[in-house]
């Protein structure tokens, strides 16, 4: 009896192991959830839907975009951090992922609790002002603010978010004192910029370029190290304010412990998708430079930015809710 029980146990173990190997070899065997930790319509959501379409075709399984907004992106992020690392729950995040880590006490470690998969692309923001504001250059902005302290309000997508910290970095390096007005997203901030309720917004290139080209707002400087090919006449802020640089990136990661073969598969297929002509054209129109790098590159970018924004937060004494 014991012998039969032992053999049955061995047989069951072998079947389980064989099933696990088979499931791993056939990945993906069912639909995949790609979490977006923001509401629909923003830059991260647009990027997610573009990638999901291409990856669904490649994987032969539907990649479903799941918007889990709230907490400045932390609610959706924690959902994926706590998920089973089997490749069926992934997430796409933006540079705000690193910014949040610098301001908030989070229920997860933004560096060590994730499995970096792919840096999708890098873009930037542009200083935008209402046409009625008599400021036509970065130099004008700095001079006007110093001559009229407290008169210029800037909008952000929320306290501790990317647009908040990149504007505070400008304040620190340029010696300005632009006043912070937090909003709950890009849309409301842009609406108040157009209405003149705020005078400055470091808007994302994808959402702000159309308004600049339609002559509805004035762009005076981009946050990237070099000028953007999408709006080449607008200088980089670093040309006027030495040392200034703020890159907005998008990246995909999964829960810690994600199998290496799944990381490699996602990284490979994302890089292939980004090289497709229609994807390259779409990204170029939004001022985004597609990446072509291994997972380790994305991990380095996250670590770099967490440290960078922690320094900005400390220097500016920025607190959650400020």
C-alpha atoms as a PDB file:
ATOM      1  CA  UNK A   1       0.000   0.000   0.000  1.00  0.00           C
ATOM      2  CA  UNK A   2       2.794   2.375   0.923  1.00  0.00           C
ATOM      3  CA  UNK A   3       4.569   1.557  -2.327  1.00  0.00           C
ATOM      4  CA  UNK A   4       1.459   2.316  -4.377  1.00  0.00           C
ATOM      5  CA  UNK A   5       0.891   5.545  -2.437  1.00  0.00           C
ATOM      6  CA  UNK A   6       4.495   6.601  -3.004  1.00  0.00           C
ATOM      7  CA  UNK A   7       4.311   5.853  -6.728  1.00  0.00           C
ATOM      8  CA  UNK A   8       1.012   7.709  -7.001  1.00  0.00           C
ATOM      9  CA  UNK A   9       2.560  10.711  -5.266  1.00  0.00           C
ATOM     10  CA  UNK A  10       5.552  10.654  -7.585  1.00  0.00           C
ATOM     11  CA  UNK A  11       3.261  10.381 -10.582  1.00  0.00           C
ATOM     12  CA  UNK A  12       1.175  13.327  -9.430  1.00  0.00           C
ATOM     13  CA  UNK A  13       4.279  15.428  -8.838  1.00  0.00           C
ATOM     14  CA  UNK A  14       5.545  14.619 -12.321  1.00  0.00           C
ATOM     15  CA  UNK A  15       2.201  15.544 -13.849  1.00  0.00           C
ATOM     16  CA  UNK A  16       2.156  18.879 -11.987  1.00  0.00           C
ATOM     17  CA  UNK A  17       5.733  19.617 -13.060  1.00  0.00           C
ATOM     18  CA  UNK A  18       4.972  18.643 -16.650  1.00  0.00           C
ATOM     19  CA  UNK A  19       1.866  20.839 -16.602  1.00  0.00           C
ATOM     20  CA  UNK A  20       3.849  23.789 -15.265  1.00  0.00           C
ATOM     21  CA  UNK A  21       6.523  23.360 -17.934  1.00  0.00           C
ATOM     22  CA  UNK A  22       3.909  23.021 -20.654  1.00  0.00           C
ATOM     23  CA  UNK A  23       2.074  26.150 -19.433  1.00  0.00           C
ATOM     24  CA  UNK A  24       5.352  28.051 -19.364  1.00  0.00           C
ATOM     25  CA  UNK A  25       6.264  26.917 -22.872  1.00  0.00           C
ATOM     26  CA  UNK A  26       2.853  27.917 -24.238  1.00  0.00           C
ATOM     27  CA  UNK A  27       2.799  31.374 -22.653  1.00  0.00           C
ATOM     28  CA  UNK A  28       0.580  33.215 -23.140  1.00  0.00           C
ATOM     29  CA  UNK A  29      -2.270  30.734 -22.929  1.00  0.00           C
ATOM     30  CA  UNK A  30      -4.987  33.238 -21.971  1.00  0.00           C
ATOM     31  CA  UNK A  31      -5.694  36.998 -22.137  1.00  0.00           C
ATOM     32  CA  UNK A  32      -3.221  39.337 -20.446  1.00  0.00           C
ATOM     33  CA  UNK A  33      -4.095  42.370 -18.335  1.00  0.00           C
ATOM     34  CA  UNK A  34      -2.024  45.504 -18.954  1.00  0.00           C
ATOM     35  CA  UNK A  35      -2.733  47.902 -16.111  1.00  0.00           C
ATOM     36  CA  UNK A  36      -2.689  51.665 -16.662  1.00  0.00           C
ATOM     37  CA  UNK A  37      -2.607  53.406 -13.248  1.00  0.00           C
ATOM     38  CA  UNK A  38      -4.410  56.485 -14.610  1.00  0.00           C
ATOM     39  CA  UNK A  39      -7.748  57.382 -16.132  1.00  0.00           C
ATOM     40  CA  UNK A  40      -8.320  56.881 -19.882  1.00  0.00           C
ATOM     41  CA  UNK A  41      -7.141  59.546 -22.309  1.00  0.00           C
ATOM     42  CA  UNK A  42      -3.739  60.487 -20.891  1.00  0.00           C
ATOM     43  CA  UNK A  43      -0.336  59.844 -22.407  1.00  0.00           C
ATOM     44  CA  UNK A  44       0.186  56.561 -20.535  1.00  0.00           C
ATOM     45  CA  UNK A  45      -3.217  55.273 -21.612  1.00  0.00           C
ATOM     46  CA  UNK A  46      -2.611  56.212 -25.255  1.00  0.00           C
ATOM     47  CA  UNK A  47       0.735  54.434 -25.211  1.00  0.00           C
ATOM     48  CA  UNK A  48      -0.775  51.358 -23.540  1.00  0.00           C
ATOM     49  CA  UNK A  49      -3.515  50.988 -26.149  1.00  0.00           C
ATOM     50  CA  UNK A  50      -1.062  51.333 -29.013  1.00  0.00           C
ATOM     51  CA  UNK A  51       1.175  48.628 -27.550  1.00  0.00           C
ATOM     52  CA  UNK A  52      -1.711  46.371 -26.529  1.00  0.00           C
ATOM     53  CA  UNK A  53      -2.948  46.219 -30.104  1.00  0.00           C
ATOM     54  CA  UNK A  54       0.454  45.192 -31.464  1.00  0.00           C
ATOM     55  CA  UNK A  55       1.181  42.703 -28.679  1.00  0.00           C
ATOM     56  CA  UNK A  56      -2.239  41.059 -29.040  1.00  0.00           C
ATOM     57  CA  UNK A  57      -1.412  40.335 -32.676  1.00  0.00           C
ATOM     58  CA  UNK A  58       2.018  38.965 -31.780  1.00  0.00           C
ATOM     59  CA  UNK A  59       1.003  36.885 -28.749  1.00  0.00           C
ATOM     60  CA  UNK A  60      -2.172  35.485 -30.282  1.00  0.00           C
ATOM     61  CA  UNK A  61      -3.931  36.425 -27.051  1.00  0.00           C
ATOM     62  CA  UNK A  62      -5.788  39.620 -26.192  1.00  0.00           C
ATOM     63  CA  UNK A  63      -3.851  42.171 -24.157  1.00  0.00           C
ATOM     64  CA  UNK A  64      -6.591  44.011 -22.257  1.00  0.00           C
ATOM     65  CA  UNK A  65      -5.916  47.565 -21.031  1.00  0.00           C
ATOM     66  CA  UNK A  66      -7.186  47.929 -17.456  1.00  0.00           C
ATOM     67  CA  UNK A  67      -7.369  51.511 -16.142  1.00  0.00           C
ATOM     68  CA  UNK A  68      -6.888  51.553 -12.362  1.00  0.00           C
ATOM     69  CA  UNK A  69      -6.741  55.253 -11.539  1.00  0.00           C
ATOM     70  CA  UNK A  70      -6.304  56.834  -8.112  1.00  0.00           C
ATOM     71  CA  UNK A  71      -3.676  57.889  -5.642  1.00  0.00           C
ATOM     72  CA  UNK A  72      -1.525  59.532  -8.299  1.00  0.00           C
ATOM     73  CA  UNK A  73      -0.976  56.141  -9.895  1.00  0.00           C
ATOM     74  CA  UNK A  74      -0.228  54.258  -6.675  1.00  0.00           C
ATOM     75  CA  UNK A  75      -3.471  52.227  -6.563  1.00  0.00           C
ATOM     76  CA  UNK A  76      -2.946  50.580  -9.939  1.00  0.00           C
ATOM     77  CA  UNK A  77       0.738  50.153  -9.211  1.00  0.00           C
ATOM     78  CA  UNK A  78       0.144  48.314  -5.935  1.00  0.00           C
ATOM     79  CA  UNK A  79      -2.319  46.023  -7.738  1.00  0.00           C
ATOM     80  CA  UNK A  80       0.479  44.807  -9.997  1.00  0.00           C
ATOM     81  CA  UNK A  81       3.131  44.683  -7.271  1.00  0.00           C
ATOM     82  CA  UNK A  82       0.869  42.249  -5.354  1.00  0.00           C
ATOM     83  CA  UNK A  83      -0.129  40.213  -8.429  1.00  0.00           C
ATOM     84  CA  UNK A  84       1.023  36.679  -9.205  1.00  0.00           C
ATOM     85  CA  UNK A  85       4.285  36.946 -11.215  1.00  0.00           C
ATOM     86  CA  UNK A  86       3.047  34.730 -14.032  1.00  0.00           C
ATOM     87  CA  UNK A  87       3.047  37.267 -16.864  1.00  0.00           C
ATOM     88  CA  UNK A  88      -0.712  37.744 -16.965  1.00  0.00           C
ATOM     89  CA  UNK A  89      -0.749  41.021 -15.015  1.00  0.00           C
ATOM     90  CA  UNK A  90       1.618  43.697 -16.290  1.00  0.00           C
ATOM     91  CA  UNK A  91       1.724  47.478 -16.058  1.00  0.00           C
ATOM     92  CA  UNK A  92       2.837  50.482 -18.062  1.00  0.00           C
ATOM     93  CA  UNK A  93       3.965  53.557 -16.111  1.00  0.00           C
ATOM     94  CA  UNK A  94       5.387  56.992 -16.817  1.00  0.00           C
ATOM     95  CA  UNK A  95       8.036  59.127 -15.137  1.00  0.00           C
ATOM     96  CA  UNK A  96       5.538  59.920 -12.367  1.00  0.00           C
ATOM     97  CA  UNK A  97       6.263  56.423 -11.025  1.00  0.00           C
ATOM     98  CA  UNK A  98       9.702  57.611  -9.870  1.00  0.00           C
ATOM     99  CA  UNK A  99       8.378  61.019  -8.798  1.00  0.00           C
ATOM    100  CA  UNK A 100       5.825  59.436  -6.438  1.00  0.00           C
ATOM    101  CA  UNK A 101       8.594  57.456  -4.762  1.00  0.00           C
ATOM    102  CA  UNK A 102      10.330  60.711  -3.848  1.00  0.00           C
ATOM    103  CA  UNK A 103       7.305  62.329  -2.175  1.00  0.00           C
ATOM    104  CA  UNK A 104       5.096  59.637  -0.718  1.00  0.00           C
ATOM    105  CA  UNK A 105       5.565  56.819   1.754  1.00  0.00           C
ATOM    106  CA  UNK A 106       4.442  53.989  -0.499  1.00  0.00           C
ATOM    107  CA  UNK A 107       3.297  50.454   0.368  1.00  0.00           C
ATOM    108  CA  UNK A 108       5.878  49.092  -2.051  1.00  0.00           C
ATOM    109  CA  UNK A 109       9.492  49.652  -3.093  1.00  0.00           C
ATOM    110  CA  UNK A 110       9.576  51.327  -6.518  1.00  0.00           C
ATOM    111  CA  UNK A 111      13.002  49.880  -7.288  1.00  0.00           C
ATOM    112  CA  UNK A 112      13.111  46.451  -5.640  1.00  0.00           C
ATOM    113  CA  UNK A 113       9.481  45.278  -5.838  1.00  0.00           C
ATOM    114  CA  UNK A 114       9.275  45.244  -9.626  1.00  0.00           C
ATOM    115  CA  UNK A 115      10.646  43.235 -12.536  1.00  0.00           C
ATOM    116  CA  UNK A 116      11.739  45.766 -15.155  1.00  0.00           C
ATOM    117  CA  UNK A 117      10.702  44.678 -18.649  1.00  0.00           C
ATOM    118  CA  UNK A 118      11.178  47.459 -21.178  1.00  0.00           C
ATOM    119  CA  UNK A 119      11.776  51.163 -21.500  1.00  0.00           C
ATOM    120  CA  UNK A 120       9.214  52.053 -24.179  1.00  0.00           C
ATOM    121  CA  UNK A 121      10.265  55.564 -25.026  1.00  0.00           C
ATOM    122  CA  UNK A 122      11.326  58.984 -23.811  1.00  0.00           C
ATOM    123  CA  UNK A 123       9.842  62.401 -24.372  1.00  0.00           C
ATOM    124  CA  UNK A 124       9.567  65.603 -22.401  1.00  0.00           C
ATOM    125  CA  UNK A 125       7.447  68.546 -21.392  1.00  0.00           C
ATOM    126  CA  UNK A 126       7.187  72.067 -22.695  1.00  0.00           C
ATOM    127  CA  UNK A 127       6.689  75.337 -20.843  1.00  0.00           C
ATOM    128  CA  UNK A 128       3.358  76.656 -22.110  1.00  0.00           C
ATOM    129  CA  UNK A 129       1.725  80.009 -21.383  1.00  0.00           C
ATOM    130  CA  UNK A 130      -1.522  81.739 -22.415  1.00  0.00           C
ATOM    131  CA  UNK A 131      -1.050  84.061 -25.390  1.00  0.00           C
ATOM    132  CA  UNK A 132      -2.175  86.997 -23.255  1.00  0.00           C
ATOM    133  CA  UNK A 133       0.791  86.619 -20.888  1.00  0.00           C
ATOM    134  CA  UNK A 134       3.600  88.992 -22.027  1.00  0.00           C
ATOM    135  CA  UNK A 135       6.340  86.346 -21.827  1.00  0.00           C
ATOM    136  CA  UNK A 136       7.942  85.085 -25.016  1.00  0.00           C
ATOM    137  CA  UNK A 137      11.098  83.311 -23.860  1.00  0.00           C
ATOM    138  CA  UNK A 138      12.665  81.490 -20.934  1.00  0.00           C
ATOM    139  CA  UNK A 139      14.686  84.612 -20.184  1.00  0.00           C
ATOM    140  CA  UNK A 140      11.459  86.661 -20.125  1.00  0.00           C
ATOM    141  CA  UNK A 141       9.861  84.174 -17.737  1.00  0.00           C
ATOM    142  CA  UNK A 142      12.740  84.369 -15.274  1.00  0.00           C
ATOM    143  CA  UNK A 143      12.934  88.160 -15.433  1.00  0.00           C
ATOM    144  CA  UNK A 144       9.169  88.645 -15.128  1.00  0.00           C
ATOM    145  CA  UNK A 145       8.889  86.339 -12.130  1.00  0.00           C
ATOM    146  CA  UNK A 146      11.729  88.069 -10.292  1.00  0.00           C
ATOM    147  CA  UNK A 147      10.216  91.494 -11.016  1.00  0.00           C
ATOM    148  CA  UNK A 148       6.686  90.384 -10.112  1.00  0.00           C
ATOM    149  CA  UNK A 149       6.996  87.891  -7.247  1.00  0.00           C
ATOM    150  CA  UNK A 150       3.859  85.882  -6.598  1.00  0.00           C
ATOM    151  CA  UNK A 151       2.149  86.885  -9.840  1.00  0.00           C
ATOM    152  CA  UNK A 152       2.805  83.691 -11.815  1.00  0.00           C
ATOM    153  CA  UNK A 153       0.937  80.513 -10.896  1.00  0.00           C
ATOM    154  CA  UNK A 154       1.822  77.181 -12.443  1.00  0.00           C
ATOM    155  CA  UNK A 155      -0.402  74.146 -12.742  1.00  0.00           C
ATOM    156  CA  UNK A 156       0.565  70.528 -12.161  1.00  0.00           C
ATOM    157  CA  UNK A 157      -1.131  67.170 -12.493  1.00  0.00           C
ATOM    158  CA  UNK A 158      -0.999  66.775  -8.712  1.00  0.00           C
ATOM    159  CA  UNK A 159       1.267  67.165  -5.720  1.00  0.00           C
ATOM    160  CA  UNK A 160       4.334  64.973  -6.034  1.00  0.00           C
ATOM    161  CA  UNK A 161       3.601  64.220  -9.658  1.00  0.00           C
ATOM    162  CA  UNK A 162       6.049  64.576 -12.506  1.00  0.00           C
ATOM    163  CA  UNK A 163       4.900  68.044 -13.619  1.00  0.00           C
ATOM    164  CA  UNK A 164       5.106  69.298 -10.045  1.00  0.00           C
ATOM    165  CA  UNK A 165       8.687  68.171  -9.525  1.00  0.00           C
ATOM    166  CA  UNK A 166      10.025  69.255 -12.924  1.00  0.00           C
ATOM    167  CA  UNK A 167       8.665  72.767 -12.329  1.00  0.00           C
ATOM    168  CA  UNK A 168      10.163  72.852  -8.843  1.00  0.00           C
ATOM    169  CA  UNK A 169      13.489  71.808 -10.367  1.00  0.00           C
ATOM    170  CA  UNK A 170      13.174  74.840 -12.653  1.00  0.00           C
ATOM    171  CA  UNK A 171      12.464  77.071  -9.639  1.00  0.00           C
ATOM    172  CA  UNK A 172      15.555  75.746  -7.873  1.00  0.00           C
ATOM    173  CA  UNK A 173      17.928  76.150 -10.816  1.00  0.00           C
ATOM    174  CA  UNK A 174      16.521  79.374 -12.297  1.00  0.00           C
ATOM    175  CA  UNK A 175      15.932  81.128  -8.984  1.00  0.00           C
ATOM    176  CA  UNK A 176      12.235  81.669  -9.701  1.00  0.00           C
ATOM    177  CA  UNK A 177       9.305  81.323  -7.290  1.00  0.00           C
ATOM    178  CA  UNK A 178       6.441  80.177  -9.475  1.00  0.00           C
ATOM    179  CA  UNK A 179       3.441  79.319  -7.258  1.00  0.00           C
ATOM    180  CA  UNK A 180       2.099  75.769  -7.339  1.00  0.00           C
ATOM    181  CA  UNK A 181      -1.564  75.066  -8.146  1.00  0.00           C
ATOM    182  CA  UNK A 182      -2.219  71.288  -8.173  1.00  0.00           C
ATOM    183  CA  UNK A 183      -4.883  69.737 -10.402  1.00  0.00           C
ATOM    184  CA  UNK A 184      -6.248  66.202 -10.732  1.00  0.00           C
ATOM    185  CA  UNK A 185      -4.905  65.651 -14.211  1.00  0.00           C
ATOM    186  CA  UNK A 186      -3.568  67.149 -17.417  1.00  0.00           C
ATOM    187  CA  UNK A 187      -6.996  68.029 -18.833  1.00  0.00           C
ATOM    188  CA  UNK A 188      -8.159  70.371 -16.050  1.00  0.00           C
ATOM    189  CA  UNK A 189      -4.745  72.073 -15.911  1.00  0.00           C
ATOM    190  CA  UNK A 190      -4.738  72.684 -19.674  1.00  0.00           C
ATOM    191  CA  UNK A 191      -8.277  74.060 -19.530  1.00  0.00           C
ATOM    192  CA  UNK A 192      -7.300  76.597 -16.876  1.00  0.00           C
ATOM    193  CA  UNK A 193      -4.164  77.497 -18.816  1.00  0.00           C
ATOM    194  CA  UNK A 194      -6.296  78.227 -21.884  1.00  0.00           C
ATOM    195  CA  UNK A 195      -8.690  80.236 -19.705  1.00  0.00           C
ATOM    196  CA  UNK A 196      -5.881  82.229 -18.092  1.00  0.00           C
ATOM    197  CA  UNK A 197      -6.547  81.022 -14.522  1.00  0.00           C
ATOM    198  CA  UNK A 198      -2.937  79.818 -14.404  1.00  0.00           C
ATOM    199  CA  UNK A 199      -0.066  81.420 -16.265  1.00  0.00           C
ATOM    200  CA  UNK A 200       2.429  78.566 -16.638  1.00  0.00           C
ATOM    201  CA  UNK A 201       2.206  74.832 -17.290  1.00  0.00           C
ATOM    202  CA  UNK A 202       5.018  72.384 -17.978  1.00  0.00           C
ATOM    203  CA  UNK A 203       2.715  70.351 -20.210  1.00  0.00           C
ATOM    204  CA  UNK A 204       3.556  66.981 -21.724  1.00  0.00           C
ATOM    205  CA  UNK A 205       4.573  67.166 -25.382  1.00  0.00           C
ATOM    206  CA  UNK A 206       1.803  64.839 -26.637  1.00  0.00           C
ATOM    207  CA  UNK A 207      -0.965  66.914 -25.046  1.00  0.00           C
ATOM    208  CA  UNK A 208       0.542  70.373 -25.596  1.00  0.00           C
ATOM    209  CA  UNK A 209       2.100  70.244 -29.076  1.00  0.00           C
ATOM    210  CA  UNK A 210      -1.309  70.428 -30.827  1.00  0.00           C
ATOM    211  CA  UNK A 211      -2.220  73.569 -28.863  1.00  0.00           C
ATOM    212  CA  UNK A 212       1.108  75.203 -29.732  1.00  0.00           C
ATOM    213  CA  UNK A 213       0.711  74.402 -33.427  1.00  0.00           C
ATOM    214  CA  UNK A 214      -2.865  75.743 -33.340  1.00  0.00           C
ATOM    215  CA  UNK A 215      -1.493  78.967 -31.788  1.00  0.00           C
ATOM    216  CA  UNK A 216      -3.721  78.564 -28.732  1.00  0.00           C
ATOM    217  CA  UNK A 217      -0.818  78.638 -26.258  1.00  0.00           C
ATOM    218  CA  UNK A 218       2.792  79.789 -26.495  1.00  0.00           C
ATOM    219  CA  UNK A 219       5.622  77.302 -25.991  1.00  0.00           C
ATOM    220  CA  UNK A 220       8.941  78.721 -24.819  1.00  0.00           C
ATOM    221  CA  UNK A 221      11.135  75.802 -23.699  1.00  0.00           C
ATOM    222  CA  UNK A 222      11.322  72.007 -23.642  1.00  0.00           C
ATOM    223  CA  UNK A 223      12.589  69.999 -20.699  1.00  0.00           C
ATOM    224  CA  UNK A 224      14.594  67.457 -22.710  1.00  0.00           C
ATOM    225  CA  UNK A 225      18.393  67.783 -23.037  1.00  0.00           C
ATOM    226  CA  UNK A 226      18.017  68.673 -26.725  1.00  0.00           C
ATOM    227  CA  UNK A 227      15.292  70.349 -28.751  1.00  0.00           C
ATOM    228  CA  UNK A 228      12.358  68.211 -29.817  1.00  0.00           C
ATOM    229  CA  UNK A 229      12.124  67.312 -33.501  1.00  0.00           C
ATOM    230  CA  UNK A 230       8.373  67.853 -33.217  1.00  0.00           C
ATOM    231  CA  UNK A 231       8.822  71.544 -32.271  1.00  0.00           C
ATOM    232  CA  UNK A 232      12.445  72.345 -33.241  1.00  0.00           C
ATOM    233  CA  UNK A 233      12.051  76.132 -33.007  1.00  0.00           C
ATOM    234  CA  UNK A 234      11.513  75.947 -29.243  1.00  0.00           C
ATOM    235  CA  UNK A 235      14.798  75.810 -27.294  1.00  0.00           C
ATOM    236  CA  UNK A 236      15.728  73.336 -24.600  1.00  0.00           C
ATOM    237  CA  UNK A 237      15.518  74.908 -21.132  1.00  0.00           C
ATOM    238  CA  UNK A 238      19.084  73.757 -20.513  1.00  0.00           C
ATOM    239  CA  UNK A 239      20.268  76.194 -23.191  1.00  0.00           C
ATOM    240  CA  UNK A 240      19.320  78.995 -20.799  1.00  0.00           C
ATOM    241  CA  UNK A 241      19.311  77.327 -17.375  1.00  0.00           C
ATOM    242  CA  UNK A 242      22.505  75.254 -17.057  1.00  0.00           C
ATOM    243  CA  UNK A 243      21.965  71.768 -15.676  1.00  0.00           C
ATOM    244  CA  UNK A 244      18.238  71.672 -16.256  1.00  0.00           C
ATOM    245  CA  UNK A 245      16.937  68.402 -17.721  1.00  0.00           C
ATOM    246  CA  UNK A 246      13.750  66.431 -17.170  1.00  0.00           C
ATOM    247  CA  UNK A 247      12.882  63.438 -19.323  1.00  0.00           C
ATOM    248  CA  UNK A 248       9.408  61.907 -19.299  1.00  0.00           C
ATOM    249  CA  UNK A 249       9.570  58.198 -20.046  1.00  0.00           C
ATOM    250  CA  UNK A 250       7.180  55.294 -20.406  1.00  0.00           C
ATOM    251  CA  UNK A 251       8.056  51.782 -19.333  1.00  0.00           C
ATOM    252  CA  UNK A 252       6.585  48.327 -18.779  1.00  0.00           C
ATOM    253  CA  UNK A 253       7.223  46.127 -15.771  1.00  0.00           C
ATOM    254  CA  UNK A 254       5.722  43.176 -13.950  1.00  0.00           C
ATOM    255  CA  UNK A 255       5.664  41.823 -10.392  1.00  0.00           C
ATOM    256  CA  UNK A 256       8.921  40.885  -8.737  1.00  0.00           C
ATOM    257  CA  UNK A 257       9.812  37.291  -9.555  1.00  0.00           C
ATOM    258  CA  UNK A 258       8.540  37.420 -13.125  1.00  0.00           C
ATOM    259  CA  UNK A 259      10.232  34.523 -15.004  1.00  0.00           C
ATOM    260  CA  UNK A 260      13.179  35.594 -17.137  1.00  0.00           C
ATOM    261  CA  UNK A 261      11.762  34.003 -20.280  1.00  0.00           C
ATOM    262  CA  UNK A 262       8.619  36.140 -19.978  1.00  0.00           C
ATOM    263  CA  UNK A 263      10.679  39.290 -19.381  1.00  0.00           C
ATOM    264  CA  UNK A 264      12.734  38.488 -22.477  1.00  0.00           C
ATOM    265  CA  UNK A 265       9.635  37.780 -24.586  1.00  0.00           C
ATOM    266  CA  UNK A 266       7.939  41.060 -23.651  1.00  0.00           C
ATOM    267  CA  UNK A 267      11.106  43.074 -24.115  1.00  0.00           C
ATOM    268  CA  UNK A 268      11.738  41.538 -27.542  1.00  0.00           C
ATOM    269  CA  UNK A 269       8.190  42.026 -28.806  1.00  0.00           C
ATOM    270  CA  UNK A 270       7.909  45.597 -27.507  1.00  0.00           C
ATOM    271  CA  UNK A 271      11.147  46.519 -29.251  1.00  0.00           C
ATOM    272  CA  UNK A 272       9.864  44.952 -32.473  1.00  0.00           C
ATOM    273  CA  UNK A 273       6.554  46.828 -32.209  1.00  0.00           C
ATOM    274  CA  UNK A 274       8.326  50.153 -31.711  1.00  0.00           C
ATOM    275  CA  UNK A 275      10.189  49.655 -34.997  1.00  0.00           C
ATOM    276  CA  UNK A 276       7.031  49.284 -37.076  1.00  0.00           C
ATOM    277  CA  UNK A 277       6.527  52.243 -39.456  1.00  0.00           C
ATOM    278  CA  UNK A 278       3.061  53.164 -38.185  1.00  0.00           C
ATOM    279  CA  UNK A 279       4.218  53.081 -34.560  1.00  0.00           C
ATOM    280  CA  UNK A 280       7.308  55.181 -35.297  1.00  0.00           C
ATOM    281  CA  UNK A 281       5.188  57.761 -37.113  1.00  0.00           C
ATOM    282  CA  UNK A 282       2.643  57.885 -34.289  1.00  0.00           C
ATOM    283  CA  UNK A 283       5.322  58.328 -31.639  1.00  0.00           C
ATOM    284  CA  UNK A 284       7.195  60.957 -33.660  1.00  0.00           C
ATOM    285  CA  UNK A 285       4.043  63.062 -33.961  1.00  0.00           C
ATOM    286  CA  UNK A 286       3.834  63.044 -30.171  1.00  0.00           C
ATOM    287  CA  UNK A 287       7.481  64.006 -29.711  1.00  0.00           C
ATOM    288  CA  UNK A 288       8.413  60.625 -28.279  1.00  0.00           C
ATOM    289  CA  UNK A 289      11.668  58.827 -29.088  1.00  0.00           C
ATOM    290  CA  UNK A 290      11.170  55.036 -29.017  1.00  0.00           C
ATOM    291  CA  UNK A 291      13.655  53.024 -27.006  1.00  0.00           C
ATOM    292  CA  UNK A 292      15.530  49.924 -28.126  1.00  0.00           C
ATOM    293  CA  UNK A 293      17.179  48.627 -24.985  1.00  0.00           C
ATOM    294  CA  UNK A 294      17.295  45.611 -22.646  1.00  0.00           C
ATOM    295  CA  UNK A 295      15.356  45.410 -19.345  1.00  0.00           C
ATOM    296  CA  UNK A 296      18.414  46.508 -17.394  1.00  0.00           C
ATOM    297  CA  UNK A 297      18.274  49.920 -19.050  1.00  0.00           C
ATOM    298  CA  UNK A 298      14.764  50.554 -17.720  1.00  0.00           C
ATOM    299  CA  UNK A 299      15.834  49.478 -14.232  1.00  0.00           C
ATOM    300  CA  UNK A 300      18.704  51.984 -14.378  1.00  0.00           C
ATOM    301  CA  UNK A 301      16.362  54.785 -15.462  1.00  0.00           C
ATOM    302  CA  UNK A 302      13.992  54.133 -12.537  1.00  0.00           C
ATOM    303  CA  UNK A 303      16.838  54.106 -10.005  1.00  0.00           C
ATOM    304  CA  UNK A 304      18.320  57.280 -11.512  1.00  0.00           C
ATOM    305  CA  UNK A 305      15.071  59.218 -11.384  1.00  0.00           C
ATOM    306  CA  UNK A 306      14.056  58.124  -7.896  1.00  0.00           C
ATOM    307  CA  UNK A 307      17.380  59.490  -6.606  1.00  0.00           C
ATOM    308  CA  UNK A 308      17.057  62.671  -8.706  1.00  0.00           C
ATOM    309  CA  UNK A 309      13.565  63.547  -7.498  1.00  0.00           C
ATOM    310  CA  UNK A 310      14.412  62.708  -3.893  1.00  0.00           C
ATOM    311  CA  UNK A 311      17.053  65.427  -4.082  1.00  0.00           C
ATOM    312  CA  UNK A 312      14.580  67.933  -5.559  1.00  0.00           C
ATOM    313  CA  UNK A 313      12.028  67.108  -2.865  1.00  0.00           C
ATOM    314  CA  UNK A 314      14.580  67.500  -0.088  1.00  0.00           C
ATOM    315  CA  UNK A 315      15.936  70.793  -1.433  1.00  0.00           C
ATOM    316  CA  UNK A 316      12.448  72.226  -1.907  1.00  0.00           C
ATOM    317  CA  UNK A 317      11.117  70.787   1.367  1.00  0.00           C
ATOM    318  CA  UNK A 318       8.189  69.400  -0.585  1.00  0.00           C
ATOM    319  CA  UNK A 319       5.581  67.517   1.419  1.00  0.00           C
ATOM    320  CA  UNK A 320       2.577  65.473   0.344  1.00  0.00           C
ATOM    321  CA  UNK A 321      -0.311  67.902   0.089  1.00  0.00           C
ATOM    322  CA  UNK A 322       1.941  70.953  -0.434  1.00  0.00           C
END
